[in-house]
C-alpha atoms as a PDB file:
ATOM      1  CA  UNK A   1      -3.530  46.046  62.599  1.00  0.00           C
ATOM      2  CA  UNK A   2       0.474  46.746  62.957  1.00  0.00           C
ATOM      3  CA  UNK A   3       1.646  44.610  66.714  1.00  0.00           C
ATOM      4  CA  UNK A   4       2.416  46.486  69.711  1.00  0.00           C
ATOM      5  CA  UNK A   5       6.464  45.868  68.850  1.00  0.00           C
ATOM      6  CA  UNK A   6       6.547  47.461  65.618  1.00  0.00           C
ATOM      7  CA  UNK A   7       9.024  49.808  64.395  1.00  0.00           C
ATOM      8  CA  UNK A   8       7.094  53.047  63.094  1.00  0.00           C
ATOM      9  CA  UNK A   9       7.608  53.957  58.895  1.00  0.00           C
ATOM     10  CA  UNK A  10      10.395  56.444  59.824  1.00  0.00           C
ATOM     11  CA  UNK A  11      12.708  54.163  61.659  1.00  0.00           C
ATOM     12  CA  UNK A  12      11.906  55.636  64.937  1.00  0.00           C
ATOM     13  CA  UNK A  13      12.263  52.828  67.841  1.00  0.00           C
ATOM     14  CA  UNK A  14       9.115  50.246  68.683  1.00  0.00           C
ATOM     15  CA  UNK A  15       6.351  51.565  70.434  1.00  0.00           C
ATOM     16  CA  UNK A  16       6.510  50.782  74.267  1.00  0.00           C
ATOM     17  CA  UNK A  17       3.341  48.280  75.145  1.00  0.00           C
ATOM     18  CA  UNK A  18       2.037  49.135  78.070  1.00  0.00           C
ATOM     19  CA  UNK A  19       1.316  46.519  80.749  1.00  0.00           C
ATOM     20  CA  UNK A  20      -1.979  45.140  81.398  1.00  0.00           C
ATOM     21  CA  UNK A  21      -2.828  42.461  83.264  1.00  0.00           C
ATOM     22  CA  UNK A  22      -6.518  41.250  81.643  1.00  0.00           C
ATOM     23  CA  UNK A  23      -6.989  38.104  80.409  1.00  0.00           C
ATOM     24  CA  UNK A  24      -8.747  38.952  76.875  1.00  0.00           C
ATOM     25  CA  UNK A  25     -10.251  41.926  75.755  1.00  0.00           C
ATOM     26  CA  UNK A  26     -12.952  42.738  73.086  1.00  0.00           C
ATOM     27  CA  UNK A  27     -14.634  45.879  72.153  1.00  0.00           C
ATOM     28  CA  UNK A  28     -17.876  46.363  70.196  1.00  0.00           C
ATOM     29  CA  UNK A  29     -18.769  49.410  69.019  1.00  0.00           C
ATOM     30  CA  UNK A  30     -22.917  50.110  69.412  1.00  0.00           C
ATOM     31  CA  UNK A  31     -25.155  48.878  66.147  1.00  0.00           C
ATOM     32  CA  UNK A  32     -26.286  51.380  64.001  1.00  0.00           C
ATOM     33  CA  UNK A  33     -27.797  54.287  66.061  1.00  0.00           C
ATOM     34  CA  UNK A  34     -31.009  56.783  64.724  1.00  0.00           C
ATOM     35  CA  UNK A  35     -27.978  59.416  64.231  1.00  0.00           C
ATOM     36  CA  UNK A  36     -25.952  57.059  62.034  1.00  0.00           C
ATOM     37  CA  UNK A  37     -28.647  56.880  59.855  1.00  0.00           C
ATOM     38  CA  UNK A  38     -29.437  61.021  59.737  1.00  0.00           C
ATOM     39  CA  UNK A  39     -25.673  61.435  58.980  1.00  0.00           C
ATOM     40  CA  UNK A  40     -26.058  59.738  55.928  1.00  0.00           C
ATOM     41  CA  UNK A  41     -28.777  61.168  54.970  1.00  0.00           C
ATOM     42  CA  UNK A  42     -27.326  64.546  55.299  1.00  0.00           C
ATOM     43  CA  UNK A  43     -24.605  63.939  52.722  1.00  0.00           C
ATOM     44  CA  UNK A  44     -27.715  63.061  50.102  1.00  0.00           C
ATOM     45  CA  UNK A  45     -29.611  66.029  51.269  1.00  0.00           C
ATOM     46  CA  UNK A  46     -27.088  69.000  50.298  1.00  0.00           C
ATOM     47  CA  UNK A  47     -27.453  71.873  51.841  1.00  0.00           C
ATOM     48  CA  UNK A  48     -31.160  71.413  53.146  1.00  0.00           C
ATOM     49  CA  UNK A  49     -29.497  68.967  55.582  1.00  0.00           C
ATOM     50  CA  UNK A  50     -30.105  70.067  59.611  1.00  0.00           C
ATOM     51  CA  UNK A  51     -28.375  69.045  62.510  1.00  0.00           C
ATOM     52  CA  UNK A  52     -29.842  66.077  64.544  1.00  0.00           C
ATOM     53  CA  UNK A  53     -32.224  67.465  67.726  1.00  0.00           C
ATOM     54  CA  UNK A  54     -31.236  66.275  71.287  1.00  0.00           C
ATOM     55  CA  UNK A  55     -28.758  65.060  72.891  1.00  0.00           C
ATOM     56  CA  UNK A  56     -26.050  62.916  71.889  1.00  0.00           C
ATOM     57  CA  UNK A  57     -25.944  60.327  74.855  1.00  0.00           C
ATOM     58  CA  UNK A  58     -29.766  60.136  74.309  1.00  0.00           C
ATOM     59  CA  UNK A  59     -29.436  58.644  70.551  1.00  0.00           C
ATOM     60  CA  UNK A  60     -30.759  55.203  70.279  1.00  0.00           C
ATOM     61  CA  UNK A  61     -30.121  52.603  68.131  1.00  0.00           C
ATOM     62  CA  UNK A  62     -32.097  51.990  64.645  1.00  0.00           C
ATOM     63  CA  UNK A  63     -33.983  49.277  63.664  1.00  0.00           C
ATOM     64  CA  UNK A  64     -31.172  47.681  61.631  1.00  0.00           C
ATOM     65  CA  UNK A  65     -28.602  48.467  64.761  1.00  0.00           C
ATOM     66  CA  UNK A  66     -31.246  46.357  66.919  1.00  0.00           C
ATOM     67  CA  UNK A  67     -30.779  43.389  64.812  1.00  0.00           C
ATOM     68  CA  UNK A  68     -27.266  44.226  64.586  1.00  0.00           C
ATOM     69  CA  UNK A  69     -27.245  43.908  68.329  1.00  0.00           C
ATOM     70  CA  UNK A  70     -28.574  40.555  67.839  1.00  0.00           C
ATOM     71  CA  UNK A  71     -26.186  39.202  65.820  1.00  0.00           C
ATOM     72  CA  UNK A  72     -23.625  40.453  68.261  1.00  0.00           C
ATOM     73  CA  UNK A  73     -26.032  38.241  70.869  1.00  0.00           C
ATOM     74  CA  UNK A  74     -25.881  35.422  68.632  1.00  0.00           C
ATOM     75  CA  UNK A  75     -21.698  35.973  68.582  1.00  0.00           C
ATOM     76  CA  UNK A  76     -21.575  36.033  72.345  1.00  0.00           C
ATOM     77  CA  UNK A  77     -24.168  33.072  72.780  1.00  0.00           C
ATOM     78  CA  UNK A  78     -21.578  31.097  70.985  1.00  0.00           C
ATOM     79  CA  UNK A  79     -18.326  31.686  73.087  1.00  0.00           C
ATOM     80  CA  UNK A  80     -17.166  29.155  75.061  1.00  0.00           C
ATOM     81  CA  UNK A  81     -17.155  29.512  79.097  1.00  0.00           C
ATOM     82  CA  UNK A  82     -13.795  30.250  79.948  1.00  0.00           C
ATOM     83  CA  UNK A  83     -13.245  31.391  76.530  1.00  0.00           C
ATOM     84  CA  UNK A  84     -15.384  34.959  76.295  1.00  0.00           C
ATOM     85  CA  UNK A  85     -16.178  37.796  78.266  1.00  0.00           C
ATOM     86  CA  UNK A  86     -16.622  37.475  82.186  1.00  0.00           C
ATOM     87  CA  UNK A  87     -17.067  41.169  82.420  1.00  0.00           C
ATOM     88  CA  UNK A  88     -19.094  43.675  80.753  1.00  0.00           C
ATOM     89  CA  UNK A  89     -18.378  47.657  80.802  1.00  0.00           C
ATOM     90  CA  UNK A  90     -20.330  49.755  79.026  1.00  0.00           C
ATOM     91  CA  UNK A  91     -20.712  53.312  77.889  1.00  0.00           C
ATOM     92  CA  UNK A  92     -23.337  55.333  79.641  1.00  0.00           C
ATOM     93  CA  UNK A  93     -24.839  56.922  76.202  1.00  0.00           C
ATOM     94  CA  UNK A  94     -28.119  54.953  75.304  1.00  0.00           C
ATOM     95  CA  UNK A  95     -27.099  53.055  71.887  1.00  0.00           C
ATOM     96  CA  UNK A  96     -24.380  51.826  73.675  1.00  0.00           C
ATOM     97  CA  UNK A  97     -26.817  50.182  76.765  1.00  0.00           C
ATOM     98  CA  UNK A  98     -29.154  49.315  74.368  1.00  0.00           C
ATOM     99  CA  UNK A  99     -26.763  47.233  72.519  1.00  0.00           C
ATOM    100  CA  UNK A 100     -25.970  45.455  75.615  1.00  0.00           C
ATOM    101  CA  UNK A 101     -29.483  45.059  76.673  1.00  0.00           C
ATOM    102  CA  UNK A 102     -30.051  43.604  72.955  1.00  0.00           C
ATOM    103  CA  UNK A 103     -27.168  41.241  73.518  1.00  0.00           C
ATOM    104  CA  UNK A 104     -27.855  40.293  76.670  1.00  0.00           C
ATOM    105  CA  UNK A 105     -31.745  39.036  75.385  1.00  0.00           C
ATOM    106  CA  UNK A 106     -30.525  37.490  72.565  1.00  0.00           C
ATOM    107  CA  UNK A 107     -27.928  35.149  74.618  1.00  0.00           C
ATOM    108  CA  UNK A 108     -30.963  34.571  77.253  1.00  0.00           C
ATOM    109  CA  UNK A 109     -30.171  31.217  78.540  1.00  0.00           C
ATOM    110  CA  UNK A 110     -26.542  30.984  77.435  1.00  0.00           C
ATOM    111  CA  UNK A 111     -23.429  31.529  78.988  1.00  0.00           C
ATOM    112  CA  UNK A 112     -22.782  34.863  77.893  1.00  0.00           C
ATOM    113  CA  UNK A 113     -26.164  36.149  79.449  1.00  0.00           C
ATOM    114  CA  UNK A 114     -25.507  36.782  82.892  1.00  0.00           C
ATOM    115  CA  UNK A 115     -22.526  38.400  83.011  1.00  0.00           C
ATOM    116  CA  UNK A 116     -21.866  41.550  85.561  1.00  0.00           C
ATOM    117  CA  UNK A 117     -21.822  44.488  84.083  1.00  0.00           C
ATOM    118  CA  UNK A 118     -20.640  48.396  85.069  1.00  0.00           C
ATOM    119  CA  UNK A 119     -20.476  51.536  83.351  1.00  0.00           C
ATOM    120  CA  UNK A 120     -17.934  54.010  82.918  1.00  0.00           C
ATOM    121  CA  UNK A 121     -18.559  57.389  81.951  1.00  0.00           C
ATOM    122  CA  UNK A 122     -14.936  57.470  80.470  1.00  0.00           C
ATOM    123  CA  UNK A 123     -16.037  55.077  77.340  1.00  0.00           C
ATOM    124  CA  UNK A 124     -18.827  57.732  76.070  1.00  0.00           C
ATOM    125  CA  UNK A 125     -18.601  58.955  72.713  1.00  0.00           C
ATOM    126  CA  UNK A 126     -16.126  61.635  71.409  1.00  0.00           C
ATOM    127  CA  UNK A 127     -17.863  65.219  72.888  1.00  0.00           C
ATOM    128  CA  UNK A 128     -18.337  67.284  69.828  1.00  0.00           C
ATOM    129  CA  UNK A 129     -19.465  70.530  71.633  1.00  0.00           C
ATOM    130  CA  UNK A 130     -20.899  73.312  70.060  1.00  0.00           C
ATOM    131  CA  UNK A 131     -21.285  71.006  66.687  1.00  0.00           C
ATOM    132  CA  UNK A 132     -22.828  68.063  68.868  1.00  0.00           C
ATOM    133  CA  UNK A 133     -24.812  65.911  66.400  1.00  0.00           C
ATOM    134  CA  UNK A 134     -23.867  68.293  63.237  1.00  0.00           C
ATOM    135  CA  UNK A 135     -23.388  65.885  60.342  1.00  0.00           C
ATOM    136  CA  UNK A 136     -19.784  67.218  58.062  1.00  0.00           C
ATOM    137  CA  UNK A 137     -22.426  68.065  55.496  1.00  0.00           C
ATOM    138  CA  UNK A 138     -24.299  70.778  57.546  1.00  0.00           C
ATOM    139  CA  UNK A 139     -20.839  72.038  59.447  1.00  0.00           C
ATOM    140  CA  UNK A 140     -19.465  72.750  56.067  1.00  0.00           C
ATOM    141  CA  UNK A 141     -22.196  74.518  54.937  1.00  0.00           C
ATOM    142  CA  UNK A 142     -23.207  76.530  58.029  1.00  0.00           C
ATOM    143  CA  UNK A 143     -19.832  76.919  59.225  1.00  0.00           C
ATOM    144  CA  UNK A 144     -17.526  76.638  56.262  1.00  0.00           C
ATOM    145  CA  UNK A 145     -14.391  78.181  58.133  1.00  0.00           C
ATOM    146  CA  UNK A 146     -14.602  75.765  60.954  1.00  0.00           C
ATOM    147  CA  UNK A 147     -14.890  72.554  58.478  1.00  0.00           C
ATOM    148  CA  UNK A 148     -11.401  74.433  56.801  1.00  0.00           C
ATOM    149  CA  UNK A 149      -9.690  74.381  60.442  1.00  0.00           C
ATOM    150  CA  UNK A 150     -11.053  70.753  60.817  1.00  0.00           C
ATOM    151  CA  UNK A 151      -9.458  69.671  57.163  1.00  0.00           C
ATOM    152  CA  UNK A 152      -6.390  71.831  57.825  1.00  0.00           C
ATOM    153  CA  UNK A 153      -5.691  70.290  61.740  1.00  0.00           C
ATOM    154  CA  UNK A 154      -6.487  67.274  61.059  1.00  0.00           C
ATOM    155  CA  UNK A 155      -8.977  64.521  62.081  1.00  0.00           C
ATOM    156  CA  UNK A 156      -6.877  62.890  65.379  1.00  0.00           C
ATOM    157  CA  UNK A 157      -5.942  66.644  66.293  1.00  0.00           C
ATOM    158  CA  UNK A 158      -9.298  68.393  65.593  1.00  0.00           C
ATOM    159  CA  UNK A 159     -10.863  69.688  68.679  1.00  0.00           C
ATOM    160  CA  UNK A 160     -14.256  71.827  68.055  1.00  0.00           C
ATOM    161  CA  UNK A 161     -15.460  74.590  70.745  1.00  0.00           C
ATOM    162  CA  UNK A 162     -16.386  72.810  73.466  1.00  0.00           C
ATOM    163  CA  UNK A 163     -15.625  69.534  72.453  1.00  0.00           C
ATOM    164  CA  UNK A 164     -12.721  66.819  72.503  1.00  0.00           C
ATOM    165  CA  UNK A 165      -9.971  65.921  70.119  1.00  0.00           C
ATOM    166  CA  UNK A 166      -9.215  62.713  69.518  1.00  0.00           C
ATOM    167  CA  UNK A 167      -6.241  63.018  71.344  1.00  0.00           C
ATOM    168  CA  UNK A 168      -8.132  63.913  74.147  1.00  0.00           C
ATOM    169  CA  UNK A 169     -10.593  60.863  74.019  1.00  0.00           C
ATOM    170  CA  UNK A 170      -6.721  58.835  74.161  1.00  0.00           C
ATOM    171  CA  UNK A 171      -5.901  60.530  77.488  1.00  0.00           C
ATOM    172  CA  UNK A 172      -9.559  59.183  79.399  1.00  0.00           C
ATOM    173  CA  UNK A 173      -8.745  55.972  77.669  1.00  0.00           C
ATOM    174  CA  UNK A 174      -5.475  55.307  78.791  1.00  0.00           C
ATOM    175  CA  UNK A 175      -6.454  56.235  82.762  1.00  0.00           C
ATOM    176  CA  UNK A 176      -9.661  53.806  82.095  1.00  0.00           C
ATOM    177  CA  UNK A 177      -7.300  50.812  80.993  1.00  0.00           C
ATOM    178  CA  UNK A 178      -5.058  51.450  83.443  1.00  0.00           C
ATOM    179  CA  UNK A 179      -7.629  51.336  86.021  1.00  0.00           C
ATOM    180  CA  UNK A 180      -9.443  48.262  84.417  1.00  0.00           C
ATOM    181  CA  UNK A 181      -6.338  46.459  84.796  1.00  0.00           C
ATOM    182  CA  UNK A 182      -5.333  47.007  88.091  1.00  0.00           C
ATOM    183  CA  UNK A 183      -8.760  46.296  89.418  1.00  0.00           C
ATOM    184  CA  UNK A 184      -9.440  43.084  87.092  1.00  0.00           C
ATOM    185  CA  UNK A 185      -6.530  41.400  86.748  1.00  0.00           C
ATOM    186  CA  UNK A 186      -7.263  38.043  84.624  1.00  0.00           C
ATOM    187  CA  UNK A 187     -10.662  39.305  83.677  1.00  0.00           C
ATOM    188  CA  UNK A 188     -11.778  38.965  80.372  1.00  0.00           C
ATOM    189  CA  UNK A 189     -13.685  42.112  79.731  1.00  0.00           C
ATOM    190  CA  UNK A 190     -16.226  42.973  77.080  1.00  0.00           C
ATOM    191  CA  UNK A 191     -16.211  46.737  76.221  1.00  0.00           C
ATOM    192  CA  UNK A 192     -19.028  47.937  74.191  1.00  0.00           C
ATOM    193  CA  UNK A 193     -18.764  51.942  73.399  1.00  0.00           C
ATOM    194  CA  UNK A 194     -18.332  54.208  70.207  1.00  0.00           C
ATOM    195  CA  UNK A 195     -15.995  54.344  67.077  1.00  0.00           C
ATOM    196  CA  UNK A 196     -13.685  56.805  69.027  1.00  0.00           C
ATOM    197  CA  UNK A 197     -13.295  55.133  71.913  1.00  0.00           C
ATOM    198  CA  UNK A 198     -12.176  52.413  70.102  1.00  0.00           C
ATOM    199  CA  UNK A 199      -9.219  53.826  68.198  1.00  0.00           C
ATOM    200  CA  UNK A 200      -8.143  55.299  71.183  1.00  0.00           C
ATOM    201  CA  UNK A 201      -7.836  52.308  72.651  1.00  0.00           C
ATOM    202  CA  UNK A 202      -5.858  51.011  69.633  1.00  0.00           C
ATOM    203  CA  UNK A 203      -3.693  53.994  70.008  1.00  0.00           C
ATOM    204  CA  UNK A 204      -3.489  53.388  73.585  1.00  0.00           C
ATOM    205  CA  UNK A 205      -2.583  49.452  73.425  1.00  0.00           C
ATOM    206  CA  UNK A 206       0.347  50.105  70.954  1.00  0.00           C
ATOM    207  CA  UNK A 207       1.796  52.014  73.488  1.00  0.00           C
ATOM    208  CA  UNK A 208       4.308  54.846  74.149  1.00  0.00           C
ATOM    209  CA  UNK A 209       5.306  56.468  71.026  1.00  0.00           C
ATOM    210  CA  UNK A 210       3.200  54.663  68.903  1.00  0.00           C
ATOM    211  CA  UNK A 211       2.732  57.198  66.118  1.00  0.00           C
ATOM    212  CA  UNK A 212      -1.062  59.009  65.541  1.00  0.00           C
ATOM    213  CA  UNK A 213      -3.147  58.067  62.615  1.00  0.00           C
ATOM    214  CA  UNK A 214      -3.540  60.878  60.222  1.00  0.00           C
ATOM    215  CA  UNK A 215      -7.114  59.481  60.143  1.00  0.00           C
ATOM    216  CA  UNK A 216      -8.906  57.181  62.470  1.00  0.00           C
ATOM    217  CA  UNK A 217      -9.283  53.944  60.959  1.00  0.00           C
ATOM    218  CA  UNK A 218     -12.960  53.124  60.206  1.00  0.00           C
ATOM    219  CA  UNK A 219     -14.611  51.297  63.142  1.00  0.00           C
ATOM    220  CA  UNK A 220     -17.929  49.608  61.373  1.00  0.00           C
ATOM    221  CA  UNK A 221     -21.102  49.518  63.399  1.00  0.00           C
ATOM    222  CA  UNK A 222     -21.610  46.111  65.496  1.00  0.00           C
ATOM    223  CA  UNK A 223     -17.899  44.936  65.078  1.00  0.00           C
ATOM    224  CA  UNK A 224     -15.755  43.263  67.425  1.00  0.00           C
ATOM    225  CA  UNK A 225     -12.046  43.986  68.026  1.00  0.00           C
ATOM    226  CA  UNK A 226      -9.982  41.670  70.201  1.00  0.00           C
ATOM    227  CA  UNK A 227      -6.798  41.880  71.925  1.00  0.00           C
ATOM    228  CA  UNK A 228      -5.073  38.835  74.024  1.00  0.00           C
ATOM    229  CA  UNK A 229      -3.840  38.993  76.946  1.00  0.00           C
ATOM    230  CA  UNK A 230      -1.091  36.958  79.006  1.00  0.00           C
ATOM    231  CA  UNK A 231      -1.632  38.689  82.336  1.00  0.00           C
ATOM    232  CA  UNK A 232       1.387  41.094  81.369  1.00  0.00           C
ATOM    233  CA  UNK A 233       0.162  42.824  78.123  1.00  0.00           C
ATOM    234  CA  UNK A 234      -2.638  42.985  75.459  1.00  0.00           C
ATOM    235  CA  UNK A 235      -1.555  41.579  72.177  1.00  0.00           C
ATOM    236  CA  UNK A 236      -3.927  42.441  68.802  1.00  0.00           C
ATOM    237  CA  UNK A 237      -5.706  39.950  67.363  1.00  0.00           C
ATOM    238  CA  UNK A 238      -8.813  41.216  65.523  1.00  0.00           C
ATOM    239  CA  UNK A 239      -9.599  44.452  64.286  1.00  0.00           C
ATOM    240  CA  UNK A 240     -13.460  45.513  63.143  1.00  0.00           C
ATOM    241  CA  UNK A 241     -14.507  41.833  62.519  1.00  0.00           C
ATOM    242  CA  UNK A 242     -18.117  41.699  61.374  1.00  0.00           C
ATOM    243  CA  UNK A 243     -18.585  38.319  60.170  1.00  0.00           C
ATOM    244  CA  UNK A 244     -21.007  37.831  62.843  1.00  0.00           C
ATOM    245  CA  UNK A 245     -23.289  40.144  61.264  1.00  0.00           C
ATOM    246  CA  UNK A 246     -23.253  38.100  57.764  1.00  0.00           C
ATOM    247  CA  UNK A 247     -23.600  34.369  59.792  1.00  0.00           C
ATOM    248  CA  UNK A 248     -27.003  33.359  61.068  1.00  0.00           C
ATOM    249  CA  UNK A 249     -25.596  31.466  63.697  1.00  0.00           C
ATOM    250  CA  UNK A 250     -23.497  34.211  65.318  1.00  0.00           C
ATOM    251  CA  UNK A 251     -19.978  32.146  63.690  1.00  0.00           C
ATOM    252  CA  UNK A 252     -16.871  34.161  62.455  1.00  0.00           C
ATOM    253  CA  UNK A 253     -13.532  34.561  63.812  1.00  0.00           C
ATOM    254  CA  UNK A 254     -12.656  34.623  67.506  1.00  0.00           C
ATOM    255  CA  UNK A 255     -13.474  38.291  67.922  1.00  0.00           C
END
């Protein structure tokens, strides 16, 4: 990931990194959800695919997602007091809250188990409006004109009817980060949220003038991204780390 003060490829001035008084920030994407599984199955099913029933905010973790959350809990338990997070802010969506619960249960009896937790609605996943829980394959088959508009507009800027573009998510994430930095100066904060939120966070923390991505970068399930703080600004350190998912002791890089 590029550093906040790096000039853009077109030679424009470097981005102006925003002030943020946090001591450190980690952003965890929830473990694999049942909708993640259904979306992958829809691509394989072709024209037989259907929208996923229910509400996006109620989608739970899959069995594999719960195992990933446990691995995150071992990662958390391996942090030394004074170096790991001391506050958790979580999305209100079920899959994020469940990820945190499994993390905390796995870390029970260690430093990470008793962390204070708050929920914030601004960490919810990107809202897809009338196409909520429609896999891309279903959109292509049932609403080809809309799928074409999505491709033509570009994923960062595409706003489904009644929903949000990534630019809209970035607006609410920017407001959240500004308030969090003012409310919790010096704190080491762990966010448990969604890929759209973490992509928006990366964009916001890069700063004013940051170039929008043609396509949002991937954020793996149960990955950890990390920014170091000096009391004035946050600096990108790790993006989308999943080493802890393969390490039985919860090890891996300091993400």
